[in-house]
Amino acid sequence: MLGGIEAGGTKFVCAAGQKDGTILDRIEFPTGEPDETLRQVIRYFKDFPIEAIGIGSFGPIDIRPDSQTYGCITATPKTAWRNCPFLQTIKNALQIPAGFTTDVNAAALGEASFGAAKNADSCLYLTVGTGIGAGAIMNGRFVQGLSHPEMGHIYVRRHPDDGYKGNCPYHTDCLEGLAAGPAIEKRWGKKAYLLTDLKEVWELEGYYIAEALVQYILILSPEKIILGGGVMKQRQLFSYIRQHVKKRLNQYIDLPDIENCIVPPQLGIHSGAAGSLVLAEQALEAANREAGK
């Protein structure tokens, strides 16, 4: 049995499952203060005979194993979580191998292993919710280097009719500042789920997401682009996004089947948890190899 944690800025999901992605038990609770939230996580997993655990965390996080702050959350807008030693806290409590990456990397891994990108060599998972983040997998490996990508904070071309200043505390009008859930609420004066019938809301949202996707397509050329998160539950968005992506690419790059290229998560709300189980399996295999040396 394996454990998986999908740690989001709004809620935590903990799951016990198997290496084939089967989730045997699952719980979710709000993301509160670090000490109490991690106590809840540890209490949950103490009831299961898990051999390893995978953690997909909101970020930014330190993913460099040779760093003194490896496994910590770093410059997050959630100030109470800054410098929180997330990975080490879990490892100390459970004494099992643990894998660590971003929540969007974990979701991308789940969809690549069991979902919409199972038969693809490359994919990008973008979540649009309280924040915006993306994880990419190319030839079985996460796209990362000095750190993990922060694709939610790229700058996009402003819509000429949009006068909203932006909501990101670091960059003001980056993609997250213009298109995440809080930006929709502040621009229009209501939460996104109360704006479902207003076409102009989703045309503008689709414009900004598509502007970002065009940049990702030009740089990474992923075979599958999977769009998840609370905002993407507004399924009318997919049509606006696909239309604008085609318009902006202007036949320079031909997406052969855009309906099947830009898609919702096949695993639904379980993408991150399933990917965290894969991460746990990888950590267990690495530990077993190390023990065999």
Protein backbone atom coordinates (compact mmCIF):
# COMPACT_ATOMS: atom_id res chain seq x y z
CA MET A 1 0.00 0.00 0.00
CA LEU A 2 1.16 3.51 -0.86
CA GLY A 3 0.23 6.96 0.39
CA GLY A 4 -0.32 10.13 -1.56
CA ILE A 5 -0.73 13.78 -0.56
CA GLU A 6 -2.12 16.44 -2.86
CA ALA A 7 -1.43 19.64 -0.94
CA GLY A 8 -3.25 22.61 -2.42
CA GLY A 9 -3.48 26.17 -1.29
CA THR A 10 -7.16 25.67 -0.45
CA LYS A 11 -7.37 22.02 0.59
CA PHE A 12 -5.31 18.92 1.32
CA VAL A 13 -6.20 15.53 -0.15
CA CYS A 14 -4.70 12.41 1.43
CA ALA A 15 -5.11 9.01 -0.18
CA ALA A 16 -4.09 5.43 0.43
CA GLY A 17 -3.85 3.28 -2.67
CA GLN A 18 -1.95 0.93 -4.92
CA LYS A 19 0.72 1.32 -7.57
CA ASP A 20 -1.82 0.90 -10.37
CA GLY A 21 -3.44 4.17 -9.27
CA THR A 22 -6.34 2.54 -7.44
CA ILE A 23 -7.38 4.76 -4.54
CA LEU A 24 -8.56 2.64 -1.62
CA ASP A 25 -9.32 5.44 0.81
CA ARG A 26 -9.35 9.22 0.56
CA ILE A 27 -9.91 12.22 2.80
CA GLU A 28 -9.80 15.97 2.24
CA PHE A 29 -9.75 18.94 4.59
CA PRO A 30 -9.06 22.68 4.35
CA THR A 31 -5.48 23.94 4.24
CA GLY A 32 -5.05 25.61 7.60
CA GLU A 33 -1.99 26.54 9.63
CA PRO A 34 1.01 24.27 8.93
CA ASP A 35 1.27 22.57 12.34
CA GLU A 36 -2.38 21.57 12.58
CA THR A 37 -2.70 20.64 8.91
CA LEU A 38 0.34 18.37 8.97
CA ARG A 39 -0.86 16.79 12.23
CA GLN A 40 -4.07 15.86 10.42
CA VAL A 41 -2.04 14.37 7.56
CA ILE A 42 0.11 12.29 9.90
CA ARG A 43 -2.88 11.06 11.94
CA TYR A 44 -4.58 9.90 8.74
CA PHE A 45 -1.64 7.87 7.46
CA LYS A 46 -0.90 6.27 10.83
CA ASP A 47 -4.00 4.13 10.23
CA PHE A 48 -2.63 2.56 7.02
CA PRO A 49 0.30 0.17 6.47
CA ILE A 50 1.82 2.31 3.73
CA GLU A 51 5.36 1.52 2.53
CA ALA A 52 6.09 4.91 0.92
CA ILE A 53 4.43 8.25 0.34
CA GLY A 54 4.35 10.79 -2.47
CA ILE A 55 3.77 14.50 -1.89
CA GLY A 56 2.54 16.95 -4.49
CA SER A 57 2.61 20.38 -2.90
CA PHE A 58 1.53 23.91 -3.70
CA GLY A 59 4.54 26.12 -4.15
CA PRO A 60 6.96 27.45 -4.78
CA ILE A 61 8.92 24.59 -3.22
CA ASP A 62 12.57 23.60 -3.07
CA ILE A 63 13.03 20.48 -5.21
CA ARG A 64 16.85 20.32 -5.14
CA PRO A 65 17.95 17.26 -3.11
CA ASP A 66 21.37 18.83 -2.41
CA SER A 67 19.84 22.01 -0.97
CA GLN A 68 19.64 22.73 2.77
CA THR A 69 15.99 23.68 2.29
CA TYR A 70 15.05 20.69 0.11
CA GLY A 71 11.42 19.76 0.72
CA CYS A 72 10.45 23.16 2.07
CA ILE A 73 7.75 25.49 0.80
CA THR A 74 9.40 28.80 -0.08
CA ALA A 75 7.96 32.13 -1.32
CA THR A 76 4.28 31.24 -1.16
CA PRO A 77 1.62 33.94 -0.74
CA LYS A 78 0.37 31.76 2.16
CA THR A 79 2.79 33.41 4.57
CA ALA A 80 2.32 30.93 7.43
CA TRP A 81 3.68 28.18 5.16
CA ARG A 82 6.85 29.99 4.11
CA ASN A 83 9.95 27.94 4.98
CA CYS A 84 7.76 25.08 6.24
CA PRO A 85 9.84 21.83 6.15
CA PHE A 86 6.98 19.87 4.61
CA LEU A 87 8.86 16.83 3.33
CA GLN A 88 11.07 16.38 6.38
CA THR A 89 8.12 16.68 8.76
CA ILE A 90 6.31 13.83 6.98
CA LYS A 91 9.44 11.67 6.74
CA ASN A 92 10.28 12.15 10.40
CA ALA A 93 6.76 11.20 11.46
CA LEU A 94 6.20 8.18 9.20
CA GLN A 95 9.77 6.88 8.73
CA ILE A 96 9.16 5.69 5.15
CA PRO A 97 10.54 6.72 1.73
CA ALA A 98 8.91 9.85 0.36
CA GLY A 99 8.79 11.54 -3.04
CA PHE A 100 8.30 15.29 -3.36
CA THR A 101 7.21 17.54 -6.22
CA THR A 102 4.68 20.23 -7.03
CA ASP A 103 0.95 19.57 -6.95
CA VAL A 104 0.70 20.22 -10.69
CA ASN A 105 3.61 17.90 -11.44
CA ALA A 106 1.80 15.21 -9.47
CA ALA A 107 -1.41 15.82 -11.42
CA ALA A 108 0.52 15.67 -14.70
CA LEU A 109 2.08 12.38 -13.56
CA GLY A 110 -1.33 10.97 -12.68
CA GLU A 111 -2.78 11.85 -16.08
CA ALA A 112 0.34 10.59 -17.88
CA SER A 113 0.25 7.29 -15.99
CA PHE A 114 -3.47 6.52 -15.93
CA GLY A 115 -5.46 9.29 -17.62
CA ALA A 116 -5.79 11.57 -20.61
CA ALA A 117 -2.06 11.45 -21.50
CA LYS A 118 -1.51 7.73 -20.90
CA ASN A 119 -0.58 7.07 -24.54
CA ALA A 120 1.33 10.32 -25.07
CA ASP A 121 5.07 10.95 -24.77
CA SER A 122 4.52 14.46 -23.47
CA CYS A 123 1.86 16.39 -21.63
CA LEU A 124 1.20 19.60 -19.76
CA TYR A 125 -1.24 19.88 -16.87
CA LEU A 126 -2.53 23.37 -16.04
CA THR A 127 -4.68 23.99 -13.00
CA VAL A 128 -6.80 27.13 -12.84
CA GLY A 129 -8.28 27.73 -9.42
CA THR A 130 -7.28 29.79 -6.39
CA GLY A 131 -3.94 30.07 -8.18
CA ILE A 132 -2.62 28.95 -11.54
CA GLY A 133 0.18 26.43 -11.95
CA ALA A 134 1.40 23.96 -14.52
CA GLY A 135 3.50 20.84 -14.64
CA ALA A 136 4.96 19.25 -17.76
CA ILE A 137 6.29 15.79 -18.53
CA MET A 138 8.51 15.12 -21.54
CA ASN A 139 9.67 11.58 -22.35
CA GLY A 140 8.77 10.37 -18.88
CA ARG A 141 10.56 13.14 -16.97
CA PHE A 142 9.36 16.32 -15.29
CA VAL A 143 10.39 19.53 -17.01
CA GLN A 144 12.51 21.27 -14.38
CA GLY A 145 16.01 22.58 -13.84
CA LEU A 146 17.21 25.18 -11.36
CA SER A 147 13.71 24.87 -9.92
CA HIS A 148 10.30 23.75 -11.07
CA PRO A 149 8.47 25.82 -13.71
CA GLU A 150 6.15 28.60 -12.54
CA MET A 151 4.01 28.77 -15.66
CA GLY A 152 1.15 30.44 -13.83
CA HIS A 153 3.23 33.58 -13.47
CA ILE A 154 4.11 34.25 -17.10
CA TYR A 155 3.03 37.56 -18.60
CA VAL A 156 0.35 37.39 -21.26
CA ARG A 157 -0.93 39.95 -23.73
CA ARG A 158 -3.66 41.99 -22.08
CA HIS A 159 -7.11 41.99 -23.59
CA PRO A 160 -7.69 45.51 -25.00
CA ASP A 161 -11.01 45.84 -23.15
CA ASP A 162 -9.76 44.66 -19.75
CA GLY A 163 -9.00 47.42 -17.29
CA TYR A 164 -8.55 45.18 -14.23
CA LYS A 165 -5.10 45.83 -12.72
CA GLY A 166 -4.39 42.24 -11.64
CA ASN A 167 -4.30 40.37 -8.34
CA CYS A 168 -0.87 38.70 -8.01
CA PRO A 169 1.00 40.00 -4.91
CA TYR A 170 4.32 39.48 -6.70
CA HIS A 171 3.66 40.45 -10.35
CA THR A 172 0.22 42.14 -10.35
CA ASP A 173 -0.92 41.27 -13.89
CA CYS A 174 0.74 37.94 -14.70
CA LEU A 175 -1.50 35.07 -15.83
CA GLU A 176 -2.45 34.17 -12.25
CA GLY A 177 -3.08 37.81 -11.44
CA LEU A 178 -5.49 38.14 -14.37
CA ALA A 179 -7.16 34.74 -14.64
CA ALA A 180 -7.15 32.80 -11.33
CA GLY A 181 -10.37 32.48 -9.33
CA PRO A 182 -9.71 35.48 -7.04
CA ALA A 183 -9.02 37.68 -10.07
CA ILE A 184 -12.35 36.68 -11.63
CA GLU A 185 -14.14 37.50 -8.39
CA LYS A 186 -12.46 40.88 -7.94
CA ARG A 187 -12.91 41.88 -11.59
CA TRP A 188 -16.60 40.97 -11.77
CA GLY A 189 -17.66 41.37 -8.14
CA LYS A 190 -18.88 37.79 -7.68
CA LYS A 191 -17.36 34.35 -7.27
CA ALA A 192 -16.81 32.46 -10.52
CA TYR A 193 -19.54 29.88 -9.92
CA LEU A 194 -22.11 32.70 -9.68
CA LEU A 195 -21.12 34.04 -13.12
CA THR A 196 -21.80 30.92 -15.16
CA ASP A 197 -24.38 32.52 -17.48
CA LEU A 198 -22.36 35.65 -18.32
CA LYS A 199 -20.72 34.95 -21.67
CA GLU A 200 -18.36 37.91 -21.44
CA VAL A 201 -16.77 36.51 -18.27
CA TRP A 202 -15.79 33.24 -19.91
CA GLU A 203 -14.79 34.74 -23.25
CA LEU A 204 -12.27 36.91 -21.38
CA GLU A 205 -11.12 34.03 -19.20
CA GLY A 206 -10.73 31.82 -22.27
CA TYR A 207 -8.70 34.56 -23.94
CA TYR A 208 -6.15 34.72 -21.11
CA ILE A 209 -5.79 30.96 -20.71
CA ALA A 210 -5.38 30.57 -24.47
CA GLU A 211 -2.74 33.32 -24.58
CA ALA A 212 -0.72 31.30 -22.06
CA LEU A 213 -1.29 27.98 -23.84
CA VAL A 214 0.06 29.42 -27.07
CA GLN A 215 3.33 30.24 -25.27
CA TYR A 216 3.53 26.74 -23.80
CA ILE A 217 2.81 25.17 -27.19
CA LEU A 218 5.52 27.24 -28.90
CA ILE A 219 8.10 26.38 -26.22
CA LEU A 220 7.24 22.81 -25.15
CA SER A 221 5.04 21.44 -27.94
CA PRO A 222 3.17 19.01 -25.66
CA GLU A 223 1.03 16.30 -27.23
CA LYS A 224 -1.68 16.73 -24.59
CA ILE A 225 -2.73 19.81 -22.65
CA ILE A 226 -4.93 18.98 -19.67
CA LEU A 227 -6.84 21.79 -17.98
CA GLY A 228 -8.05 21.19 -14.42
CA GLY A 229 -8.89 23.14 -11.28
CA GLY A 230 -12.06 24.75 -9.98
CA VAL A 231 -12.36 27.42 -12.68
CA MET A 232 -12.17 24.80 -15.43
CA LYS A 233 -15.37 23.22 -14.12
CA GLN A 234 -16.95 25.91 -16.31
CA ARG A 235 -16.83 23.59 -19.31
CA GLN A 236 -17.90 26.32 -21.74
CA LEU A 237 -14.35 27.62 -21.33
CA PHE A 238 -12.89 24.84 -23.46
CA SER A 239 -14.61 26.09 -26.60
CA TYR A 240 -13.37 29.67 -26.10
CA ILE A 241 -9.84 28.46 -25.34
CA ARG A 242 -9.60 26.20 -28.38
CA GLN A 243 -10.95 28.88 -30.68
CA HIS A 244 -8.50 31.49 -29.47
CA VAL A 245 -5.52 29.10 -29.52
CA LYS A 246 -6.22 28.32 -33.17
CA LYS A 247 -6.60 32.02 -33.96
CA ARG A 248 -3.35 32.99 -32.22
CA LEU A 249 -1.30 30.17 -33.74
CA ASN A 250 -2.63 31.32 -37.13
CA GLN A 251 -1.68 28.03 -38.84
CA TYR A 252 2.00 28.52 -37.97
CA ILE A 253 1.72 25.35 -35.89
CA ASP A 254 -1.00 22.90 -36.83
CA LEU A 255 -2.66 21.13 -33.93
CA PRO A 256 -4.07 18.13 -35.80
CA ASP A 257 -6.99 17.49 -33.44
CA ILE A 258 -7.43 20.37 -31.04
CA GLU A 259 -10.55 18.82 -29.47
CA ASN A 260 -8.41 15.91 -28.29
CA CYS A 261 -5.30 17.98 -27.63
CA ILE A 262 -6.76 20.45 -25.11
CA VAL A 263 -8.86 18.39 -22.73
CA PRO A 264 -10.18 18.12 -19.15
CA PRO A 265 -8.58 15.63 -16.72
CA GLN A 266 -9.67 12.07 -17.41
CA LEU A 267 -9.15 11.23 -13.74
CA GLY A 268 -11.29 14.16 -12.60
CA ILE A 269 -10.52 15.21 -9.05
CA HIS A 270 -8.16 12.25 -8.55
CA SER A 271 -5.32 13.32 -10.89
CA GLY A 272 -3.09 14.68 -8.13
CA ALA A 273 -3.72 11.86 -5.70
CA ALA A 274 -3.08 9.21 -8.37
CA GLY A 275 0.12 10.95 -9.40
CA SER A 276 1.25 11.12 -5.78
CA LEU A 277 0.87 7.34 -5.55
CA VAL A 278 3.17 6.98 -8.58
CA LEU A 279 5.61 9.33 -6.87
CA ALA A 280 5.47 7.12 -3.77
CA GLU A 281 6.18 4.02 -5.85
CA GLN A 282 9.19 5.75 -7.42
CA ALA A 283 10.49 6.72 -3.97
CA LEU A 284 10.10 3.13 -2.75
CA GLU A 285 11.94 1.74 -5.77
CA ALA A 286 14.76 4.23 -5.25
CA ALA A 287 15.01 3.27 -1.57
CA ASN A 288 15.10 -0.42 -2.44
CA ARG A 289 17.87 0.17 -4.99
CA GLU A 290 19.85 2.12 -2.42
CA ALA A 291 19.40 -0.62 0.19
CA GLY A 292 20.61 -3.23 -2.28
CA LYS A 293 23.94 -1.49 -2.85
